[in-house]
């Protein structure tokens, strides 16, 4: 039995967490979800109560539970994955079951949760944020200039420089996680998501110094 009074979250004692978990488990309570997210994964930061909540999130049949758990596991890293292996395994199964029918707004977050549960990334929203916004900001490894990767415009941009065209990857020529992500999104009919992933695993040219950058190496 968890003694929540001995655990903390973003705002102090975690005594309110059991009530919030009950609310989200029994009704589609968006306010309770907001409170739970804010307490357990405030701006991507997790707390002792966050990890204690994982078995409870694994038992809730709601995509929000899976995505919140994915963010918690991503921030907690290998130690949390090992300590909560049974819950993580259950959550991974759920995430994979939900992926094919997920809407576009949820899809990338679910896919990123899969990677977190598998231990392939410890960044909770590096991919999904860019999928939602079709842009990333990276730093040129050659000159240190901030570069905007504008996927919708197909260019890289830096202050006081001419734009340079992006070079998306050929999905068939990729290997490893890049190929897997592109093929998974395509197989689920998520063409826009797959297009973003091809840019993530493709290349950009720094408008300031002409260094060629593999985008994924700067964001993952």
C-alpha atoms as a PDB file:
ATOM      1  CA  UNK A   1       0.000   0.000   0.000  1.00  0.00           C
ATOM      2  CA  UNK A   2       1.406   3.365  -1.051  1.00  0.00           C
ATOM      3  CA  UNK A   3       1.624   5.994   1.667  1.00  0.00           C
ATOM      4  CA  UNK A   4       1.039   9.023  -0.536  1.00  0.00           C
ATOM      5  CA  UNK A   5       1.496  11.395   2.402  1.00  0.00           C
ATOM      6  CA  UNK A   6       5.184  10.452   2.391  1.00  0.00           C
ATOM      7  CA  UNK A   7       5.616  11.248  -1.306  1.00  0.00           C
ATOM      8  CA  UNK A   8       5.861  14.569  -3.098  1.00  0.00           C
ATOM      9  CA  UNK A   9       4.950  16.003  -6.479  1.00  0.00           C
ATOM     10  CA  UNK A  10       5.387  19.410  -8.100  1.00  0.00           C
ATOM     11  CA  UNK A  11       3.299  21.197  -5.488  1.00  0.00           C
ATOM     12  CA  UNK A  12       4.194  19.368  -2.284  1.00  0.00           C
ATOM     13  CA  UNK A  13       2.563  16.394  -0.590  1.00  0.00           C
ATOM     14  CA  UNK A  14       1.018  13.766  -2.874  1.00  0.00           C
ATOM     15  CA  UNK A  15      -2.025  13.082  -0.708  1.00  0.00           C
ATOM     16  CA  UNK A  16      -4.300  14.386  -3.468  1.00  0.00           C
ATOM     17  CA  UNK A  17      -3.024  11.918  -6.096  1.00  0.00           C
ATOM     18  CA  UNK A  18      -5.261   8.919  -5.184  1.00  0.00           C
ATOM     19  CA  UNK A  19      -8.353  11.098  -5.574  1.00  0.00           C
ATOM     20  CA  UNK A  20      -7.181  12.400  -8.945  1.00  0.00           C
ATOM     21  CA  UNK A  21      -6.377   8.877 -10.124  1.00  0.00           C
ATOM     22  CA  UNK A  22      -9.855   7.738  -9.109  1.00  0.00           C
ATOM     23  CA  UNK A  23     -11.439  10.635 -10.994  1.00  0.00           C
ATOM     24  CA  UNK A  24      -9.619   9.959 -14.261  1.00  0.00           C
ATOM     25  CA  UNK A  25     -10.197   6.210 -13.963  1.00  0.00           C
ATOM     26  CA  UNK A  26     -13.954   6.516 -13.561  1.00  0.00           C
ATOM     27  CA  UNK A  27     -14.839   9.455 -15.805  1.00  0.00           C
ATOM     28  CA  UNK A  28     -13.531  11.528 -18.678  1.00  0.00           C
ATOM     29  CA  UNK A  29     -12.549  14.357 -16.338  1.00  0.00           C
ATOM     30  CA  UNK A  30     -10.337  16.720 -18.302  1.00  0.00           C
ATOM     31  CA  UNK A  31      -9.793  18.979 -15.291  1.00  0.00           C
ATOM     32  CA  UNK A  32      -8.522  16.031 -13.247  1.00  0.00           C
ATOM     33  CA  UNK A  33      -6.182  15.028 -16.066  1.00  0.00           C
ATOM     34  CA  UNK A  34      -4.798  18.570 -16.197  1.00  0.00           C
ATOM     35  CA  UNK A  35      -4.204  18.542 -12.445  1.00  0.00           C
ATOM     36  CA  UNK A  36      -2.583  15.107 -12.601  1.00  0.00           C
ATOM     37  CA  UNK A  37      -0.262  16.097 -15.440  1.00  0.00           C
ATOM     38  CA  UNK A  38       0.713  19.314 -13.703  1.00  0.00           C
ATOM     39  CA  UNK A  39       1.468  17.545 -10.426  1.00  0.00           C
ATOM     40  CA  UNK A  40       3.259  14.472 -11.777  1.00  0.00           C
ATOM     41  CA  UNK A  41       5.069  15.808 -14.842  1.00  0.00           C
ATOM     42  CA  UNK A  42       5.319  19.552 -14.470  1.00  0.00           C
ATOM     43  CA  UNK A  43       7.103  20.912 -17.556  1.00  0.00           C
ATOM     44  CA  UNK A  44       8.645  17.479 -18.058  1.00  0.00           C
ATOM     45  CA  UNK A  45       9.988  17.155 -14.514  1.00  0.00           C
ATOM     46  CA  UNK A  46       8.987  14.113 -12.440  1.00  0.00           C
ATOM     47  CA  UNK A  47       8.872  13.369  -8.710  1.00  0.00           C
ATOM     48  CA  UNK A  48       8.625  10.404  -6.309  1.00  0.00           C
ATOM     49  CA  UNK A  49       4.824  10.442  -6.611  1.00  0.00           C
ATOM     50  CA  UNK A  50       5.136  10.282 -10.405  1.00  0.00           C
ATOM     51  CA  UNK A  51       6.837   6.891 -10.267  1.00  0.00           C
ATOM     52  CA  UNK A  52       4.455   5.577  -7.618  1.00  0.00           C
ATOM     53  CA  UNK A  53       1.578   6.444  -9.959  1.00  0.00           C
ATOM     54  CA  UNK A  54       2.855   4.243 -12.803  1.00  0.00           C
ATOM     55  CA  UNK A  55       1.087   1.006 -11.707  1.00  0.00           C
ATOM     56  CA  UNK A  56      -2.157   2.962 -11.373  1.00  0.00           C
ATOM     57  CA  UNK A  57      -1.768   4.589 -14.809  1.00  0.00           C
ATOM     58  CA  UNK A  58      -1.086   1.166 -16.289  1.00  0.00           C
ATOM     59  CA  UNK A  59      -4.505   0.065 -15.053  1.00  0.00           C
ATOM     60  CA  UNK A  60      -6.442   2.968 -16.622  1.00  0.00           C
ATOM     61  CA  UNK A  61      -7.886   2.390 -20.097  1.00  0.00           C
ATOM     62  CA  UNK A  62      -7.305   5.863 -21.475  1.00  0.00           C
ATOM     63  CA  UNK A  63      -4.767   7.098 -23.991  1.00  0.00           C
ATOM     64  CA  UNK A  64      -3.960   9.989 -21.644  1.00  0.00           C
ATOM     65  CA  UNK A  65      -2.765   7.500 -19.027  1.00  0.00           C
ATOM     66  CA  UNK A  66      -0.355   5.929 -21.509  1.00  0.00           C
ATOM     67  CA  UNK A  67       1.033   9.254 -22.720  1.00  0.00           C
ATOM     68  CA  UNK A  68       1.453  10.620 -19.185  1.00  0.00           C
ATOM     69  CA  UNK A  69       3.188   7.412 -18.143  1.00  0.00           C
ATOM     70  CA  UNK A  70       5.431   7.680 -21.202  1.00  0.00           C
ATOM     71  CA  UNK A  71       6.513  11.175 -20.190  1.00  0.00           C
ATOM     72  CA  UNK A  72       7.179  10.012 -16.626  1.00  0.00           C
ATOM     73  CA  UNK A  73       9.245   7.030 -17.765  1.00  0.00           C
ATOM     74  CA  UNK A  74      11.199   9.163 -20.244  1.00  0.00           C
ATOM     75  CA  UNK A  75      12.252  11.569 -17.511  1.00  0.00           C
ATOM     76  CA  UNK A  76      12.911   8.775 -14.982  1.00  0.00           C
ATOM     77  CA  UNK A  77      15.179   6.837 -17.311  1.00  0.00           C
ATOM     78  CA  UNK A  78      16.589   3.337 -16.951  1.00  0.00           C
ATOM     79  CA  UNK A  79      16.263   3.173 -13.170  1.00  0.00           C
ATOM     80  CA  UNK A  80      12.507   3.797 -13.292  1.00  0.00           C
ATOM     81  CA  UNK A  81      12.069   1.390 -16.215  1.00  0.00           C
ATOM     82  CA  UNK A  82      13.793  -1.324 -14.179  1.00  0.00           C
ATOM     83  CA  UNK A  83      11.973  -0.633 -10.916  1.00  0.00           C
ATOM     84  CA  UNK A  84       8.554  -0.550 -12.588  1.00  0.00           C
ATOM     85  CA  UNK A  85       9.230  -3.151 -15.277  1.00  0.00           C
ATOM     86  CA  UNK A  86       5.838  -4.887 -14.948  1.00  0.00           C
ATOM     87  CA  UNK A  87       3.919  -1.629 -15.338  1.00  0.00           C
ATOM     88  CA  UNK A  88       6.127  -0.472 -18.197  1.00  0.00           C
ATOM     89  CA  UNK A  89       5.581  -3.753 -20.037  1.00  0.00           C
ATOM     90  CA  UNK A  90       1.814  -3.411 -19.631  1.00  0.00           C
ATOM     91  CA  UNK A  91       1.904   0.197 -20.794  1.00  0.00           C
ATOM     92  CA  UNK A  92       3.993  -0.720 -23.836  1.00  0.00           C
ATOM     93  CA  UNK A  93       1.394  -3.278 -24.893  1.00  0.00           C
ATOM     94  CA  UNK A  94      -1.367  -0.696 -24.507  1.00  0.00           C
ATOM     95  CA  UNK A  95       0.540   1.937 -26.466  1.00  0.00           C
ATOM     96  CA  UNK A  96       1.089  -0.429 -29.386  1.00  0.00           C
ATOM     97  CA  UNK A  97      -2.571  -1.435 -29.345  1.00  0.00           C
ATOM     98  CA  UNK A  98      -3.692   2.204 -29.436  1.00  0.00           C
ATOM     99  CA  UNK A  99      -1.321   3.371 -32.191  1.00  0.00           C
ATOM    100  CA  UNK A 100      -3.173   2.130 -35.305  1.00  0.00           C
ATOM    101  CA  UNK A 101      -6.403   3.921 -34.398  1.00  0.00           C
ATOM    102  CA  UNK A 102      -4.911   7.079 -32.897  1.00  0.00           C
ATOM    103  CA  UNK A 103      -5.783  10.457 -34.358  1.00  0.00           C
ATOM    104  CA  UNK A 104      -3.003  12.604 -35.766  1.00  0.00           C
ATOM    105  CA  UNK A 105      -2.863  14.844 -32.706  1.00  0.00           C
ATOM    106  CA  UNK A 106      -2.208  11.908 -30.393  1.00  0.00           C
ATOM    107  CA  UNK A 107      -0.224   9.612 -32.666  1.00  0.00           C
ATOM    108  CA  UNK A 108       3.263  11.086 -32.240  1.00  0.00           C
ATOM    109  CA  UNK A 109       2.904  11.254 -28.452  1.00  0.00           C
ATOM    110  CA  UNK A 110       1.905   7.591 -28.343  1.00  0.00           C
ATOM    111  CA  UNK A 111       4.773   6.606 -30.607  1.00  0.00           C
ATOM    112  CA  UNK A 112       7.186   8.555 -28.450  1.00  0.00           C
ATOM    113  CA  UNK A 113       5.754   6.763 -25.393  1.00  0.00           C
ATOM    114  CA  UNK A 114       6.562   3.450 -27.075  1.00  0.00           C
ATOM    115  CA  UNK A 115      10.176   4.570 -27.475  1.00  0.00           C
ATOM    116  CA  UNK A 116      10.318   5.663 -23.828  1.00  0.00           C
ATOM    117  CA  UNK A 117       8.906   2.351 -22.579  1.00  0.00           C
ATOM    118  CA  UNK A 118      11.447   0.486 -24.730  1.00  0.00           C
ATOM    119  CA  UNK A 119      14.295   2.621 -23.399  1.00  0.00           C
ATOM    120  CA  UNK A 120      15.130   4.080 -26.810  1.00  0.00           C
ATOM    121  CA  UNK A 121      14.706   7.710 -25.799  1.00  0.00           C
ATOM    122  CA  UNK A 122      14.768   9.711 -22.598  1.00  0.00           C
ATOM    123  CA  UNK A 123      13.310  12.824 -24.230  1.00  0.00           C
ATOM    124  CA  UNK A 124       9.571  12.951 -23.713  1.00  0.00           C
ATOM    125  CA  UNK A 125       8.558  15.311 -26.508  1.00  0.00           C
ATOM    126  CA  UNK A 126      11.524  15.852 -28.837  1.00  0.00           C
ATOM    127  CA  UNK A 127       9.713  14.199 -31.740  1.00  0.00           C
ATOM    128  CA  UNK A 128       6.092  14.899 -30.895  1.00  0.00           C
ATOM    129  CA  UNK A 129       6.545  18.631 -30.361  1.00  0.00           C
ATOM    130  CA  UNK A 130       8.007  18.958 -33.834  1.00  0.00           C
ATOM    131  CA  UNK A 131       5.286  16.818 -35.384  1.00  0.00           C
ATOM    132  CA  UNK A 132       2.654  19.095 -33.879  1.00  0.00           C
ATOM    133  CA  UNK A 133       4.395  22.306 -34.964  1.00  0.00           C
ATOM    134  CA  UNK A 134       6.335  21.143 -38.052  1.00  0.00           C
ATOM    135  CA  UNK A 135       9.427  22.933 -36.819  1.00  0.00           C
ATOM    136  CA  UNK A 136      12.428  22.410 -34.567  1.00  0.00           C
ATOM    137  CA  UNK A 137      15.092  24.718 -33.220  1.00  0.00           C
ATOM    138  CA  UNK A 138      18.599  23.319 -33.137  1.00  0.00           C
ATOM    139  CA  UNK A 139      22.091  24.717 -32.699  1.00  0.00           C
ATOM    140  CA  UNK A 140      24.603  24.419 -35.490  1.00  0.00           C
ATOM    141  CA  UNK A 141      27.442  22.134 -34.317  1.00  0.00           C
ATOM    142  CA  UNK A 142      29.825  24.071 -36.537  1.00  0.00           C
ATOM    143  CA  UNK A 143      29.267  27.694 -35.524  1.00  0.00           C
ATOM    144  CA  UNK A 144      26.760  27.553 -32.671  1.00  0.00           C
ATOM    145  CA  UNK A 145      24.143  29.661 -34.448  1.00  0.00           C
ATOM    146  CA  UNK A 146      20.488  28.818 -33.629  1.00  0.00           C
ATOM    147  CA  UNK A 147      18.765  27.299 -36.644  1.00  0.00           C
ATOM    148  CA  UNK A 148      15.044  26.948 -37.226  1.00  0.00           C
ATOM    149  CA  UNK A 149      14.106  23.790 -39.106  1.00  0.00           C
ATOM    150  CA  UNK A 150      10.860  24.793 -40.833  1.00  0.00           C
ATOM    151  CA  UNK A 151       9.450  21.570 -42.199  1.00  0.00           C
ATOM    152  CA  UNK A 152       6.279  23.087 -43.654  1.00  0.00           C
ATOM    153  CA  UNK A 153       8.427  25.559 -45.646  1.00  0.00           C
ATOM    154  CA  UNK A 154      11.137  23.003 -46.406  1.00  0.00           C
ATOM    155  CA  UNK A 155      13.960  25.281 -45.277  1.00  0.00           C
ATOM    156  CA  UNK A 156      16.478  25.935 -42.515  1.00  0.00           C
ATOM    157  CA  UNK A 157      16.583  29.528 -41.311  1.00  0.00           C
ATOM    158  CA  UNK A 158      18.940  31.675 -39.242  1.00  0.00           C
ATOM    159  CA  UNK A 159      18.943  35.403 -38.519  1.00  0.00           C
ATOM    160  CA  UNK A 160      20.376  37.642 -41.237  1.00  0.00           C
ATOM    161  CA  UNK A 161      21.020  34.680 -43.574  1.00  0.00           C
ATOM    162  CA  UNK A 162      19.367  33.325 -46.676  1.00  0.00           C
ATOM    163  CA  UNK A 163      17.253  30.213 -46.158  1.00  0.00           C
ATOM    164  CA  UNK A 164      18.691  26.853 -47.182  1.00  0.00           C
ATOM    165  CA  UNK A 165      16.582  23.936 -48.469  1.00  0.00           C
ATOM    166  CA  UNK A 166      16.098  20.907 -46.238  1.00  0.00           C
ATOM    167  CA  UNK A 167      16.998  17.436 -47.486  1.00  0.00           C
ATOM    168  CA  UNK A 168      14.533  14.874 -46.131  1.00  0.00           C
ATOM    169  CA  UNK A 169      15.770  11.312 -45.850  1.00  0.00           C
ATOM    170  CA  UNK A 170      14.746   8.537 -48.179  1.00  0.00           C
ATOM    171  CA  UNK A 171      12.880   6.268 -45.761  1.00  0.00           C
ATOM    172  CA  UNK A 172      14.009   3.161 -47.662  1.00  0.00           C
ATOM    173  CA  UNK A 173      17.645   4.169 -47.195  1.00  0.00           C
ATOM    174  CA  UNK A 174      17.332   4.679 -43.448  1.00  0.00           C
ATOM    175  CA  UNK A 175      18.106   2.083 -40.823  1.00  0.00           C
ATOM    176  CA  UNK A 176      17.560   1.773 -37.096  1.00  0.00           C
ATOM    177  CA  UNK A 177      15.063   3.970 -35.306  1.00  0.00           C
ATOM    178  CA  UNK A 178      14.655   6.347 -38.248  1.00  0.00           C
ATOM    179  CA  UNK A 179      13.485   3.637 -40.599  1.00  0.00           C
ATOM    180  CA  UNK A 180      11.279   2.113 -37.946  1.00  0.00           C
ATOM    181  CA  UNK A 181       9.506   5.399 -37.184  1.00  0.00           C
ATOM    182  CA  UNK A 182       8.937   6.260 -40.840  1.00  0.00           C
ATOM    183  CA  UNK A 183       7.661   2.798 -41.713  1.00  0.00           C
ATOM    184  CA  UNK A 184       5.445   2.580 -38.631  1.00  0.00           C
ATOM    185  CA  UNK A 185       3.789   5.927 -39.317  1.00  0.00           C
ATOM    186  CA  UNK A 186       3.293   5.066 -42.996  1.00  0.00           C
ATOM    187  CA  UNK A 187       1.791   1.665 -42.178  1.00  0.00           C
ATOM    188  CA  UNK A 188      -0.773   3.392 -39.940  1.00  0.00           C
ATOM    189  CA  UNK A 189      -1.730   5.903 -42.627  1.00  0.00           C
ATOM    190  CA  UNK A 190      -0.024   8.795 -40.792  1.00  0.00           C
ATOM    191  CA  UNK A 191       1.552  10.328 -43.884  1.00  0.00           C
ATOM    192  CA  UNK A 192       2.104  13.798 -42.439  1.00  0.00           C
ATOM    193  CA  UNK A 193       3.811  12.327 -39.390  1.00  0.00           C
ATOM    194  CA  UNK A 194       5.991  10.163 -41.638  1.00  0.00           C
ATOM    195  CA  UNK A 195       6.924  13.249 -43.679  1.00  0.00           C
ATOM    196  CA  UNK A 196       8.049  15.055 -40.521  1.00  0.00           C
ATOM    197  CA  UNK A 197      10.115  12.018 -39.504  1.00  0.00           C
ATOM    198  CA  UNK A 198      11.832  11.968 -42.915  1.00  0.00           C
ATOM    199  CA  UNK A 199      12.927  15.553 -42.248  1.00  0.00           C
ATOM    200  CA  UNK A 200      14.006  14.727 -38.695  1.00  0.00           C
ATOM    201  CA  UNK A 201      16.271  11.979 -39.973  1.00  0.00           C
ATOM    202  CA  UNK A 202      17.311  14.014 -42.983  1.00  0.00           C
ATOM    203  CA  UNK A 203      19.785  16.862 -43.288  1.00  0.00           C
ATOM    204  CA  UNK A 204      19.792  20.617 -43.018  1.00  0.00           C
ATOM    205  CA  UNK A 205      22.412  23.161 -44.036  1.00  0.00           C
ATOM    206  CA  UNK A 206      23.366  25.897 -41.598  1.00  0.00           C
ATOM    207  CA  UNK A 207      22.529  29.199 -43.331  1.00  0.00           C
ATOM    208  CA  UNK A 208      25.374  30.901 -41.461  1.00  0.00           C
ATOM    209  CA  UNK A 209      28.356  28.604 -42.069  1.00  0.00           C
ATOM    210  CA  UNK A 210      27.103  25.949 -44.532  1.00  0.00           C
ATOM    211  CA  UNK A 211      27.706  23.061 -42.114  1.00  0.00           C
ATOM    212  CA  UNK A 212      25.527  20.090 -43.073  1.00  0.00           C
ATOM    213  CA  UNK A 213      23.624  18.829 -40.039  1.00  0.00           C
ATOM    214  CA  UNK A 214      21.716  15.579 -39.507  1.00  0.00           C
ATOM    215  CA  UNK A 215      18.703  16.972 -37.660  1.00  0.00           C
ATOM    216  CA  UNK A 216      18.024  13.931 -35.471  1.00  0.00           C
ATOM    217  CA  UNK A 217      21.532  14.090 -33.997  1.00  0.00           C
ATOM    218  CA  UNK A 218      20.701  17.506 -32.547  1.00  0.00           C
ATOM    219  CA  UNK A 219      17.249  16.731 -31.110  1.00  0.00           C
ATOM    220  CA  UNK A 220      17.347  13.095 -29.929  1.00  0.00           C
END
